[in-house]
Amino acid sequence: MPKMKSHKGASKRFAKSGSGKILRVKAWSGHHLDIKSSRRTRRYAGKSVVTSTSEEQVRRMLPYL
């Protein structure tokens, strides 16, 4: 069997935590930040855990994660 290829776009967007959960960066935090309130931009800070339904899709795209 040949090696499976990882989805390169997904490999740049998702990471694995120490406990094995899949992490993602929150959306809407890229630009036009002067319009958004500081309360709103604080919510976008940090990373969040991928939901269980999306986790199956991510694991299919990243077999070696």
N, C-alpha and C. Protein backbone atom coordinates (compact mmCIF):
# COMPACT_ATOMS: atom_id res chain seq x y z
N MET A 1 0.84 -1.19 0.00
CA MET A 1 0.00 0.00 0.00
C MET A 1 0.88 1.25 0.00
N PRO A 2 0.58 2.20 -0.86
CA PRO A 2 1.32 3.47 -0.82
C PRO A 2 0.88 4.31 0.37
N LYS A 3 1.70 5.30 0.67
CA LYS A 3 1.35 6.20 1.77
C LYS A 3 0.13 7.03 1.38
N MET A 4 -0.67 7.37 2.39
CA MET A 4 -1.80 8.26 2.16
C MET A 4 -1.30 9.70 2.20
N LYS A 5 -1.91 10.56 1.39
CA LYS A 5 -1.52 11.96 1.38
C LYS A 5 -2.40 12.76 2.33
N SER A 6 -1.76 13.67 3.06
CA SER A 6 -2.50 14.58 3.92
C SER A 6 -3.03 15.73 3.08
N HIS A 7 -4.20 16.25 3.46
CA HIS A 7 -4.77 17.41 2.80
C HIS A 7 -3.97 18.62 3.28
N LYS A 8 -3.24 19.27 2.36
CA LYS A 8 -2.30 20.31 2.75
C LYS A 8 -2.98 21.54 3.34
N GLY A 9 -4.17 21.88 2.82
CA GLY A 9 -4.90 23.01 3.39
C GLY A 9 -5.34 22.74 4.81
N ALA A 10 -5.77 21.51 5.08
CA ALA A 10 -6.21 21.14 6.42
C ALA A 10 -5.03 21.05 7.38
N SER A 11 -3.87 20.59 6.88
CA SER A 11 -2.72 20.44 7.77
C SER A 11 -2.21 21.78 8.26
N LYS A 12 -2.46 22.85 7.50
CA LYS A 12 -2.05 24.19 7.94
C LYS A 12 -3.05 24.79 8.92
N ARG A 13 -4.26 24.28 8.97
CA ARG A 13 -5.30 24.88 9.79
C ARG A 13 -5.59 24.15 11.10
N PHE A 14 -5.24 22.89 11.19
CA PHE A 14 -5.59 22.11 12.37
C PHE A 14 -4.34 21.59 13.06
N ALA A 15 -4.42 21.44 14.38
CA ALA A 15 -3.32 20.92 15.18
C ALA A 15 -3.88 19.96 16.21
N LYS A 16 -3.00 19.18 16.80
CA LYS A 16 -3.42 18.22 17.80
C LYS A 16 -2.95 18.69 19.17
N SER A 17 -3.81 18.60 20.17
CA SER A 17 -3.43 18.98 21.53
C SER A 17 -2.70 17.82 22.20
N GLY A 18 -2.20 18.07 23.38
CA GLY A 18 -1.49 17.03 24.10
C GLY A 18 -2.37 15.86 24.48
N SER A 19 -3.66 16.12 24.70
CA SER A 19 -4.58 15.05 25.06
C SER A 19 -5.19 14.37 23.85
N GLY A 20 -4.85 14.84 22.63
CA GLY A 20 -5.33 14.18 21.42
C GLY A 20 -6.51 14.84 20.75
N LYS A 21 -6.99 15.96 21.30
CA LYS A 21 -8.10 16.67 20.66
C LYS A 21 -7.58 17.49 19.48
N ILE A 22 -8.45 17.77 18.53
CA ILE A 22 -8.07 18.55 17.37
C ILE A 22 -8.44 20.01 17.62
N LEU A 23 -7.47 20.91 17.42
CA LEU A 23 -7.66 22.32 17.67
C LEU A 23 -7.76 23.09 16.36
N ARG A 24 -8.47 24.21 16.40
CA ARG A 24 -8.58 25.10 15.25
C ARG A 24 -8.51 26.53 15.74
N VAL A 25 -8.16 27.43 14.84
CA VAL A 25 -8.15 28.86 15.15
C VAL A 25 -9.55 29.41 14.89
N LYS A 26 -10.01 30.31 15.74
CA LYS A 26 -11.34 30.87 15.59
C LYS A 26 -11.40 31.83 14.40
N ALA A 27 -12.55 31.89 13.78
CA ALA A 27 -12.74 32.73 12.60
C ALA A 27 -13.02 34.17 12.99
N TRP A 28 -13.06 35.06 12.02
CA TRP A 28 -13.40 36.49 12.13
C TRP A 28 -12.36 37.32 12.84
N SER A 29 -11.16 36.81 13.03
CA SER A 29 -10.15 37.56 13.78
C SER A 29 -9.05 38.10 12.88
N GLY A 30 -9.26 38.10 11.57
CA GLY A 30 -8.19 38.43 10.65
C GLY A 30 -7.98 39.90 10.39
N HIS A 31 -9.00 40.63 9.98
CA HIS A 31 -8.82 42.04 9.60
C HIS A 31 -10.11 42.80 9.89
N HIS A 32 -10.11 44.10 9.63
CA HIS A 32 -11.21 45.02 9.99
C HIS A 32 -11.47 44.99 11.48
N LEU A 33 -10.41 44.94 12.27
CA LEU A 33 -10.57 44.82 13.71
C LEU A 33 -10.95 46.14 14.36
N ASP A 34 -10.73 47.28 13.67
CA ASP A 34 -11.08 48.56 14.27
C ASP A 34 -12.59 48.76 14.33
N ILE A 35 -13.34 48.07 13.47
CA ILE A 35 -14.80 48.16 13.49
C ILE A 35 -15.36 47.36 14.67
N LYS A 36 -14.75 46.23 14.97
CA LYS A 36 -15.27 45.32 15.98
C LYS A 36 -14.91 45.81 17.38
N SER A 37 -15.81 45.58 18.31
CA SER A 37 -15.57 46.00 19.69
C SER A 37 -14.50 45.12 20.32
N SER A 38 -13.88 45.65 21.38
CA SER A 38 -12.83 44.89 22.04
C SER A 38 -13.40 43.64 22.69
N ARG A 39 -14.64 43.72 23.14
CA ARG A 39 -15.29 42.53 23.72
C ARG A 39 -15.44 41.44 22.66
N ARG A 40 -15.78 41.87 21.45
CA ARG A 40 -15.95 40.92 20.35
C ARG A 40 -14.62 40.32 19.91
N THR A 41 -13.58 41.13 19.83
CA THR A 41 -12.29 40.62 19.38
C THR A 41 -11.65 39.70 20.41
N ARG A 42 -11.93 39.92 21.69
CA ARG A 42 -11.40 39.02 22.72
C ARG A 42 -11.97 37.61 22.59
N ARG A 43 -13.20 37.53 22.11
CA ARG A 43 -13.81 36.20 21.92
C ARG A 43 -13.11 35.40 20.84
N TYR A 44 -12.48 36.11 19.89
CA TYR A 44 -11.80 35.42 18.79
C TYR A 44 -10.40 34.97 19.17
N ALA A 45 -9.89 35.40 20.30
CA ALA A 45 -8.51 35.07 20.68
C ALA A 45 -8.40 33.60 21.06
N GLY A 46 -7.23 33.04 20.83
CA GLY A 46 -6.95 31.68 21.23
C GLY A 46 -7.47 30.65 20.25
N LYS A 47 -7.47 29.42 20.68
CA LYS A 47 -7.90 28.31 19.85
C LYS A 47 -9.09 27.62 20.48
N SER A 48 -9.82 26.86 19.68
CA SER A 48 -10.96 26.10 20.20
C SER A 48 -10.89 24.67 19.69
N VAL A 49 -11.64 23.81 20.33
CA VAL A 49 -11.65 22.39 19.99
C VAL A 49 -12.67 22.16 18.88
N VAL A 50 -12.33 21.31 17.93
CA VAL A 50 -13.22 20.99 16.83
C VAL A 50 -14.36 20.12 17.35
N THR A 51 -15.57 20.35 16.85
CA THR A 51 -16.72 19.56 17.29
C THR A 51 -16.60 18.12 16.83
N SER A 52 -17.37 17.24 17.45
CA SER A 52 -17.25 15.81 17.16
C SER A 52 -17.67 15.47 15.74
N THR A 53 -18.64 16.20 15.18
CA THR A 53 -19.06 15.93 13.81
C THR A 53 -17.99 16.34 12.82
N SER A 54 -17.35 17.48 13.07
CA SER A 54 -16.29 17.93 12.16
C SER A 54 -15.00 17.14 12.37
N GLU A 55 -14.82 16.57 13.54
CA GLU A 55 -13.59 15.84 13.84
C GLU A 55 -13.42 14.64 12.91
N GLU A 56 -14.51 13.98 12.57
CA GLU A 56 -14.44 12.84 11.65
C GLU A 56 -13.92 13.28 10.28
N GLN A 57 -14.39 14.44 9.81
CA GLN A 57 -13.94 14.95 8.52
C GLN A 57 -12.47 15.32 8.55
N VAL A 58 -12.03 15.94 9.65
CA VAL A 58 -10.64 16.36 9.76
C VAL A 58 -9.73 15.14 9.82
N ARG A 59 -10.12 14.12 10.57
CA ARG A 59 -9.29 12.91 10.68
C ARG A 59 -9.19 12.18 9.35
N ARG A 60 -10.21 12.29 8.51
CA ARG A 60 -10.15 11.69 7.18
C ARG A 60 -9.17 12.44 6.29
N MET A 61 -9.14 13.78 6.45
CA MET A 61 -8.23 14.58 5.64
C MET A 61 -6.79 14.47 6.13
N LEU A 62 -6.61 14.24 7.44
CA LEU A 62 -5.28 14.18 8.04
C LEU A 62 -5.07 12.83 8.71
N PRO A 63 -4.72 11.80 7.95
CA PRO A 63 -4.63 10.45 8.53
C PRO A 63 -3.49 10.29 9.52
N TYR A 64 -2.46 11.14 9.45
CA TYR A 64 -1.31 10.97 10.35
C TYR A 64 -1.29 11.99 11.47
N LEU A 65 -2.40 12.69 11.70
CA LEU A 65 -2.45 13.69 12.77
C LEU A 65 -2.60 13.02 14.11
